[in-house]
């Protein structure tokens, strides 16, 4: 058991990951939108498409869809502010195409934030 813990600690150090869940990069609204799309249109929004559409990894999509936490409003607001501050657009050229999630009928569902930590 101790050997397994040491091996896990070494792997965490090598991979640069700390303990716990990765830092959040989605607002609560985005996570709710992801859950809605998956629940209402599962065949049109597989995990891979959700990951590409929201600019996150498959692991993040799985975590969002699996979680059903009821977080107090002040924590949601604090998290949203942190995410939006990190993703604030920088002065420069317009964002590239593909930064919006659209429904099959073409209507805009969600506009992805741009900034550090998001795919360019």
Protein backbone atom coordinates (compact mmCIF):
# COMPACT_ATOMS: atom_id res chain seq x y z
CA UNK A 1 0.00 0.00 0.00
CA UNK A 2 2.79 2.46 0.88
CA UNK A 3 4.61 1.57 -2.32
CA UNK A 4 1.47 2.30 -4.33
CA UNK A 5 1.13 5.72 -2.66
CA UNK A 6 4.77 6.57 -3.40
CA UNK A 7 4.35 5.52 -7.02
CA UNK A 8 1.18 7.65 -7.34
CA UNK A 9 2.93 10.65 -5.76
CA UNK A 10 5.86 10.27 -8.18
CA UNK A 11 3.47 10.15 -11.14
CA UNK A 12 1.68 13.30 -9.95
CA UNK A 13 4.99 15.13 -9.66
CA UNK A 14 6.10 13.97 -13.12
CA UNK A 15 2.83 14.93 -14.75
CA UNK A 16 2.74 18.26 -12.95
CA UNK A 17 -0.72 17.68 -11.58
CA UNK A 18 -1.67 18.56 -8.07
CA UNK A 19 -4.28 16.93 -5.96
CA UNK A 20 -7.95 17.06 -6.75
CA UNK A 21 -9.86 18.14 -9.79
CA UNK A 22 -8.30 20.27 -12.53
CA UNK A 23 -8.84 24.01 -12.48
CA UNK A 24 -12.25 24.95 -13.83
CA UNK A 25 -12.39 26.55 -17.24
CA UNK A 26 -16.17 26.60 -17.75
CA UNK A 27 -18.79 28.86 -16.26
CA UNK A 28 -21.81 27.33 -14.53
CA UNK A 29 -23.95 28.41 -17.47
CA UNK A 30 -21.67 26.52 -19.86
CA UNK A 31 -21.82 23.40 -17.69
CA UNK A 32 -25.61 23.59 -17.55
CA UNK A 33 -25.72 24.05 -21.32
CA UNK A 34 -23.50 20.99 -21.76
CA UNK A 35 -25.79 18.90 -19.53
CA UNK A 36 -28.86 20.16 -21.43
CA UNK A 37 -27.40 19.30 -24.85
CA UNK A 38 -26.38 15.84 -23.73
CA UNK A 39 -29.76 15.14 -22.12
CA UNK A 40 -31.97 16.48 -24.91
CA UNK A 41 -29.92 15.57 -28.00
CA UNK A 42 -27.55 12.73 -27.02
CA UNK A 43 -27.15 11.35 -30.55
CA UNK A 44 -26.26 14.79 -31.97
CA UNK A 45 -23.96 15.75 -29.06
CA UNK A 46 -21.64 12.82 -28.24
CA UNK A 47 -18.88 13.39 -25.68
CA UNK A 48 -16.28 14.14 -28.35
CA UNK A 49 -18.43 16.84 -29.97
CA UNK A 50 -19.15 18.44 -26.60
CA UNK A 51 -15.42 18.47 -25.80
CA UNK A 52 -14.60 20.10 -29.14
CA UNK A 53 -17.51 22.53 -28.96
CA UNK A 54 -16.72 23.76 -25.47
CA UNK A 55 -12.94 23.64 -25.90
CA UNK A 56 -12.25 21.21 -23.05
CA UNK A 57 -10.95 17.66 -22.73
CA UNK A 58 -13.10 14.53 -22.68
CA UNK A 59 -12.24 14.12 -19.01
CA UNK A 60 -13.74 17.53 -18.21
CA UNK A 61 -16.91 16.68 -20.16
CA UNK A 62 -17.27 13.40 -18.26
CA UNK A 63 -16.78 15.19 -14.93
CA UNK A 64 -19.38 17.85 -15.78
CA UNK A 65 -21.97 15.32 -16.94
CA UNK A 66 -21.40 13.09 -13.93
CA UNK A 67 -21.62 15.88 -11.34
CA UNK A 68 -24.94 17.09 -9.99
CA UNK A 69 -23.75 19.36 -7.20
CA UNK A 70 -25.85 22.16 -5.75
CA UNK A 71 -23.32 24.86 -5.05
CA UNK A 72 -24.31 28.06 -3.23
CA UNK A 73 -24.80 31.12 -5.40
CA UNK A 74 -21.82 33.02 -3.96
CA UNK A 75 -19.48 30.13 -4.93
CA UNK A 76 -20.96 29.98 -8.44
CA UNK A 77 -20.46 33.72 -8.90
CA UNK A 78 -16.88 33.55 -7.60
CA UNK A 79 -16.07 30.66 -9.95
CA UNK A 80 -17.67 32.41 -12.94
CA UNK A 81 -15.70 35.57 -12.23
CA UNK A 82 -12.44 33.60 -12.05
CA UNK A 83 -13.17 31.75 -15.31
CA UNK A 84 -14.18 34.92 -17.17
CA UNK A 85 -11.17 36.83 -15.86
CA UNK A 86 -8.85 34.08 -17.12
CA UNK A 87 -10.63 33.98 -20.49
CA UNK A 88 -10.92 37.74 -20.99
CA UNK A 89 -10.30 38.64 -24.63
CA UNK A 90 -7.02 40.34 -25.32
CA UNK A 91 -6.76 43.21 -27.80
CA UNK A 92 -5.91 41.87 -31.21
CA UNK A 93 -7.45 40.11 -34.16
CA UNK A 94 -10.98 38.75 -34.06
CA UNK A 95 -11.44 35.22 -32.72
CA UNK A 96 -11.11 32.47 -35.31
CA UNK A 97 -14.17 30.69 -36.67
CA UNK A 98 -15.43 27.73 -34.68
CA UNK A 99 -15.75 29.62 -31.41
CA UNK A 100 -19.50 29.21 -31.27
CA UNK A 101 -21.62 26.18 -30.49
CA UNK A 102 -24.61 26.02 -32.78
CA UNK A 103 -27.66 23.79 -32.85
CA UNK A 104 -28.33 21.66 -35.92
CA UNK A 105 -30.81 24.30 -37.13
CA UNK A 106 -28.04 26.93 -37.02
CA UNK A 107 -29.19 28.88 -33.98
CA UNK A 108 -26.50 30.06 -31.56
CA UNK A 109 -26.40 27.98 -28.37
CA UNK A 110 -23.20 29.20 -26.72
CA UNK A 111 -20.28 31.45 -27.57
CA UNK A 112 -16.98 30.07 -26.28
CA UNK A 113 -14.79 32.47 -24.32
CA UNK A 114 -11.33 33.12 -25.71
CA UNK A 115 -8.12 33.79 -23.89
CA UNK A 116 -5.25 32.03 -22.15
CA UNK A 117 -5.93 28.37 -21.61
CA UNK A 118 -8.35 28.10 -24.55
CA UNK A 119 -7.37 26.57 -27.87
CA UNK A 120 -6.38 29.23 -30.33
